[in-house]
Amino acid sequence: MATLSAIFSSTIGISLGLVSGFISGPIDRVLTLIMDSLYAFPGLLLTIALAAMLGPGVLNVTIAISVIYIPTFFRIVRGQVLSIKEQLYIEAARSLGATSREILARYIFPNVLPSVVVVFSLNIADAILTEAGLSFLGLGLPPDIPDWGFDISKGRQLLVAGHWWMITLPGFMITLVALGFSLLGEGLSEILNPRLVKN
C-alpha cells in the first residue's frame, strides 16, 4: 500500500510539476499556491483528517497518504523544469520545430527522472511509517487485513501479561522495512547523481 500511495502521489505531483514549471504564468502561480498550502500543513494531521473522513479501506488510506506527498514531487520537479527549460539544448530543440510535448517527453522528463526515483523510494519509507501510525490509531486498514500498526495497537493490551514481543516484533519490522527503503534512496542518489560518484 505504501508503494501504491507513492505511485499515486508521484504521478500527480510529477505531472503538475512538469506543466507548472514549463508553462509558468497564472497556472504556475495557482498550482504553487495550492501546493505550498498543502506543504505548510502538518502532514500527519492532514492524513489523519483525510483518513477519518474517507473511512477505512485500502484505497481510502492510500489516497489519504498520497495527498501529503504530492507537494514534494511537485516542488522538486517544478524547480528542475524551471532550470532545465532555460538550457541551450531546449532552445535548439524548439528552433528545430520540436513541440512542447516532445520537449517535455524527450528532453526535460529524462533529466528530472533521477531525482524523482530517489524521492519515490524515500516516500515509500515515510508512507510505511505513516500507514502504521494510522493503523495504530484505528484509522488505517480494516482489522481483517494484516497490518503491523494494528498489531502494535492490539499488542499493547498484552504488555501487562509480559508479552513484550507482541509489539516489539511488529515495531522492529516497520523500522527495518522503512530503513531499507531509506538506504535504497540514498544508494540510488549516489548512483544516479554523477556528481556524487567518486572516481
Protein backbone atom coordinates (compact mmCIF):
# COMPACT_ATOMS: atom_id res chain seq x y z
CA MET A 1 0.00 0.00 0.00
CA ALA A 2 2.91 2.35 0.68
CA THR A 3 4.15 1.72 -2.85
CA LEU A 4 0.69 2.38 -4.25
CA SER A 5 0.43 5.69 -2.40
CA ALA A 6 3.87 6.70 -3.69
CA ILE A 7 2.76 5.83 -7.24
CA PHE A 8 -0.38 7.96 -6.90
CA SER A 9 1.43 10.94 -5.41
CA SER A 10 4.34 10.77 -7.86
CA THR A 11 2.04 10.53 -10.89
CA ILE A 12 0.03 13.59 -9.87
CA GLY A 13 2.96 15.57 -8.48
CA ILE A 14 5.25 14.96 -11.46
CA SER A 15 2.52 15.81 -13.98
CA LEU A 16 1.57 19.04 -12.23
CA GLY A 17 5.22 19.96 -11.70
CA LEU A 18 6.06 19.49 -15.38
CA VAL A 19 3.08 21.58 -16.50
CA SER A 20 3.59 24.27 -13.90
CA GLY A 21 7.31 24.70 -14.49
CA PHE A 22 7.10 24.56 -18.27
CA ILE A 23 4.07 26.78 -18.86
CA SER A 24 4.58 29.23 -15.95
CA GLY A 25 2.26 32.21 -15.78
CA PRO A 26 -1.04 32.18 -13.85
CA ILE A 27 -1.26 28.37 -13.86
CA ASP A 28 2.13 28.15 -12.20
CA ARG A 29 1.18 30.70 -9.53
CA VAL A 30 -2.10 28.95 -8.69
CA LEU A 31 -0.58 25.47 -8.53
CA THR A 32 2.35 26.72 -6.48
CA LEU A 33 0.00 28.41 -4.02
CA ILE A 34 -2.06 25.23 -3.61
CA MET A 35 0.99 23.01 -3.18
CA ASP A 36 2.66 25.39 -0.74
CA SER A 37 -0.53 25.44 1.31
CA LEU A 38 -0.59 21.64 1.46
CA TYR A 39 3.12 21.51 2.21
CA ALA A 40 2.81 24.01 5.07
CA PHE A 41 0.05 21.97 6.74
CA PRO A 42 1.32 19.28 9.15
CA GLY A 43 1.39 16.11 7.06
CA LEU A 44 0.35 13.64 9.74
CA LEU A 45 -2.59 15.77 10.88
CA LEU A 46 -3.77 16.14 7.28
CA THR A 47 -3.51 12.39 6.76
CA ILE A 48 -5.45 11.68 9.95
CA ALA A 49 -8.17 14.12 8.93
CA LEU A 50 -8.48 12.63 5.44
CA ALA A 51 -8.45 9.06 6.75
CA ALA A 52 -11.18 9.92 9.25
CA MET A 53 -13.32 11.48 6.51
CA LEU A 54 -12.79 8.74 3.93
CA GLY A 55 -13.10 5.84 6.35
CA PRO A 56 -11.20 2.54 6.49
CA GLY A 57 -10.16 0.68 3.37
CA VAL A 58 -7.06 0.15 1.28
CA LEU A 59 -7.97 2.72 -1.38
CA ASN A 60 -9.11 5.35 1.12
CA VAL A 61 -5.97 5.07 3.24
CA THR A 62 -3.84 5.13 0.09
CA ILE A 63 -5.50 8.36 -1.05
CA ALA A 64 -5.14 9.93 2.40
CA ILE A 65 -1.42 9.17 2.47
CA SER A 66 -0.84 10.15 -1.17
CA VAL A 67 -2.12 13.70 -0.69
CA ILE A 68 0.68 14.71 1.66
CA TYR A 69 3.42 13.63 -0.77
CA ILE A 70 2.12 15.33 -3.91
CA PRO A 71 3.67 18.72 -2.99
CA THR A 72 7.08 17.08 -2.51
CA PHE A 73 7.16 15.71 -6.06
CA PHE A 74 5.65 18.94 -7.40
CA ARG A 75 8.25 21.22 -5.86
CA ILE A 76 11.23 19.09 -6.91
CA VAL A 77 10.02 18.63 -10.49
CA ARG A 78 8.92 22.25 -10.91
CA GLY A 79 12.26 23.58 -9.69
CA GLN A 80 14.21 21.38 -12.06
CA VAL A 81 11.95 22.16 -15.01
CA LEU A 82 12.41 25.89 -14.44
CA SER A 83 16.17 25.37 -14.63
CA ILE A 84 16.24 22.88 -17.49
CA LYS A 85 13.92 24.76 -19.82
CA GLU A 86 16.42 27.65 -19.97
CA GLN A 87 19.23 25.42 -21.25
CA LEU A 88 20.59 25.90 -24.74
CA TYR A 89 19.64 22.42 -25.97
CA ILE A 90 16.00 23.18 -25.17
CA GLU A 91 16.20 26.32 -27.27
CA ALA A 92 17.88 24.32 -30.04
CA ALA A 93 15.13 21.70 -29.97
CA ARG A 94 12.47 24.39 -30.09
CA SER A 95 14.18 26.11 -33.04
CA LEU A 96 14.23 22.78 -34.90
CA GLY A 97 10.47 22.57 -34.60
CA ALA A 98 10.01 20.35 -31.54
CA THR A 99 6.60 20.74 -29.92
CA SER A 100 6.12 21.41 -26.23
CA ARG A 101 5.03 17.82 -25.68
CA GLU A 102 8.16 16.49 -27.38
CA ILE A 103 10.39 18.81 -25.36
CA LEU A 104 8.78 17.67 -22.13
CA ALA A 105 8.90 13.98 -23.02
CA ARG A 106 12.34 13.77 -24.68
CA TYR A 107 14.45 16.44 -23.04
CA ILE A 108 13.01 17.57 -19.71
CA PHE A 109 11.44 14.49 -18.14
CA PRO A 110 14.52 12.24 -18.56
CA ASN A 111 16.63 14.84 -16.75
CA VAL A 112 14.10 15.07 -13.90
CA LEU A 113 13.69 11.30 -13.51
CA PRO A 114 16.82 10.56 -11.39
CA SER A 115 15.71 12.90 -8.61
CA VAL A 116 12.16 11.57 -8.79
CA VAL A 117 13.32 7.97 -8.36
CA VAL A 118 15.23 8.89 -5.20
CA VAL A 119 12.30 10.80 -3.71
CA PHE A 120 9.97 7.93 -4.65
CA SER A 121 11.90 5.38 -2.59
CA LEU A 122 12.18 7.76 0.37
CA ASN A 123 8.45 8.46 0.24
CA ILE A 124 7.72 4.73 0.40
CA ALA A 125 9.68 4.55 3.65
CA ASP A 126 7.79 7.52 5.07
CA ALA A 127 4.46 6.13 3.85
CA ILE A 128 5.12 2.87 5.71
CA LEU A 129 5.56 4.78 8.96
CA THR A 130 2.52 6.96 8.28
CA GLU A 131 0.30 4.00 7.48
CA ALA A 132 1.46 2.19 10.61
CA GLY A 133 0.60 5.27 12.64
CA LEU A 134 -2.89 5.43 11.13
CA SER A 135 -3.50 1.75 11.86
CA PHE A 136 -2.23 2.24 15.41
CA LEU A 137 -4.84 4.98 15.88
CA GLY A 138 -7.57 2.82 14.34
CA LEU A 139 -7.80 4.87 11.13
CA GLY A 140 -5.88 2.56 8.84
CA LEU A 141 -6.71 -0.71 7.19
CA PRO A 142 -9.68 -2.83 8.28
CA PRO A 143 -8.93 -5.34 11.08
CA ASP A 144 -9.22 -8.31 8.71
CA ILE A 145 -6.18 -7.11 6.73
CA PRO A 146 -2.77 -7.92 8.32
CA ASP A 147 -1.00 -4.75 9.39
CA TRP A 148 1.94 -4.09 11.70
CA GLY A 149 0.46 -0.88 13.10
CA PHE A 150 -2.72 -2.73 14.08
CA ASP A 151 -0.59 -5.48 15.66
CA ILE A 152 1.20 -2.93 17.81
CA SER A 153 -2.09 -1.36 18.85
CA LYS A 154 -3.55 -4.70 19.96
CA GLY A 155 -0.24 -5.86 21.45
CA ARG A 156 -0.28 -3.05 24.00
CA GLN A 157 -3.04 -4.86 25.85
CA LEU A 158 -0.73 -7.84 26.37
CA LEU A 159 2.17 -5.88 27.85
CA VAL A 160 0.70 -6.26 31.33
CA ALA A 161 0.93 -10.04 30.94
CA GLY A 162 4.59 -9.72 29.95
CA HIS A 163 4.16 -10.50 26.26
CA TRP A 164 6.60 -7.80 25.11
CA TRP A 165 7.27 -9.46 21.78
CA MET A 166 3.73 -8.71 20.60
CA ILE A 167 4.73 -5.08 20.00
CA THR A 168 8.50 -5.46 19.65
CA LEU A 169 8.48 -7.68 16.58
CA PRO A 170 5.98 -5.62 14.51
CA GLY A 171 7.81 -2.44 15.54
CA PHE A 172 11.13 -3.94 14.53
CA MET A 173 9.75 -4.97 11.13
CA ILE A 174 8.33 -1.49 10.49
CA THR A 175 11.69 0.04 11.36
CA LEU A 176 13.60 -2.48 9.26
CA VAL A 177 11.50 -2.03 6.11
CA ALA A 178 11.43 1.77 6.41
CA LEU A 179 15.21 1.80 6.95
CA GLY A 180 15.67 -0.45 3.92
CA PHE A 181 13.81 1.91 1.62
CA SER A 182 15.67 4.90 3.08
CA LEU A 183 19.01 3.24 2.37
CA LEU A 184 17.76 2.35 -1.11
CA GLY A 185 17.01 6.02 -1.71
CA GLU A 186 20.48 7.03 -0.53
CA GLY A 187 22.05 4.41 -2.77
CA LEU A 188 20.04 5.50 -5.79
CA SER A 189 21.03 9.09 -5.11
CA GLU A 190 24.71 8.19 -5.31
CA ILE A 191 24.24 6.03 -8.40
CA LEU A 192 22.05 8.42 -10.39
CA ASN A 193 23.84 11.64 -9.45
CA PRO A 194 27.19 11.75 -11.32
CA ARG A 195 28.49 14.47 -9.03
CA LEU A 196 28.37 12.12 -6.05
CA VAL A 197 30.22 9.29 -7.80
CA LYS A 198 33.87 9.19 -6.75
CA ASN A 199 36.44 8.28 -9.34
